[in-house]
Amino acid sequence: MDFDLSEEQRLLKESIDGLLTDSYDFDARKKYQKEKGGWSKAVWGKLAEQGLLGLAFHPDYPTTPYFFVNYTCETGAGQPECTGSGDTIIARFQVSGNPNVADLTSRRTMLVIDQPFSNHNAGDLKFGPDGNLWIPMGDGGSANDPNCFAQRDDSLLGKVLRIDVNQ
């Protein structure tokens, strides 16, 4: 299945075998290739561990026409829930009447997580054997987890989160 998204929808292309093949910049000026398990540049063009980090289709797709994305946001890009450039957003989208095109007006933000640094964001999205969406979160960045986010109970950073997307 090859998604043919318009420039303003820029989200991604998905190949039939489920491997993310490439992603497009917000204004479609630059194309970024997946390299060794991560994206080579952030969506807005900075060298970083940011941008589109993961995508998963609902387990009942296409009956349930949703897909979920894990990405970092940029303030001023039309997302009021983005309070800091580089924050992680987990969002749900629905395909449009054309099953090869995302309906951007269907975006539902499910989770926003502050990211104190531009690296160690982790990424990916998978549906686990429990049917929940599994979201691996990096430790928040810098070197050696200086804020000990991964060890703290009051932080979502450095954890694997699970969300029941059917609620």
Foldseek 3Di string as FASTA:
>chain_A
DWFDEDQCQQAATADPVGDTAWTAANRRPDIWGDDPQATQAASPGHGFRFHWFEKDAQPPPPVPQKMKTWGFAPPPPPDVVRPHGQKIWIWMWGADVPSSYTDVVRIDTDDTFDAPDRYQQHGYWDQDPVSWIKTAGGLRDDPPSVVPQLVDPVHPHVDIDTHNPVD
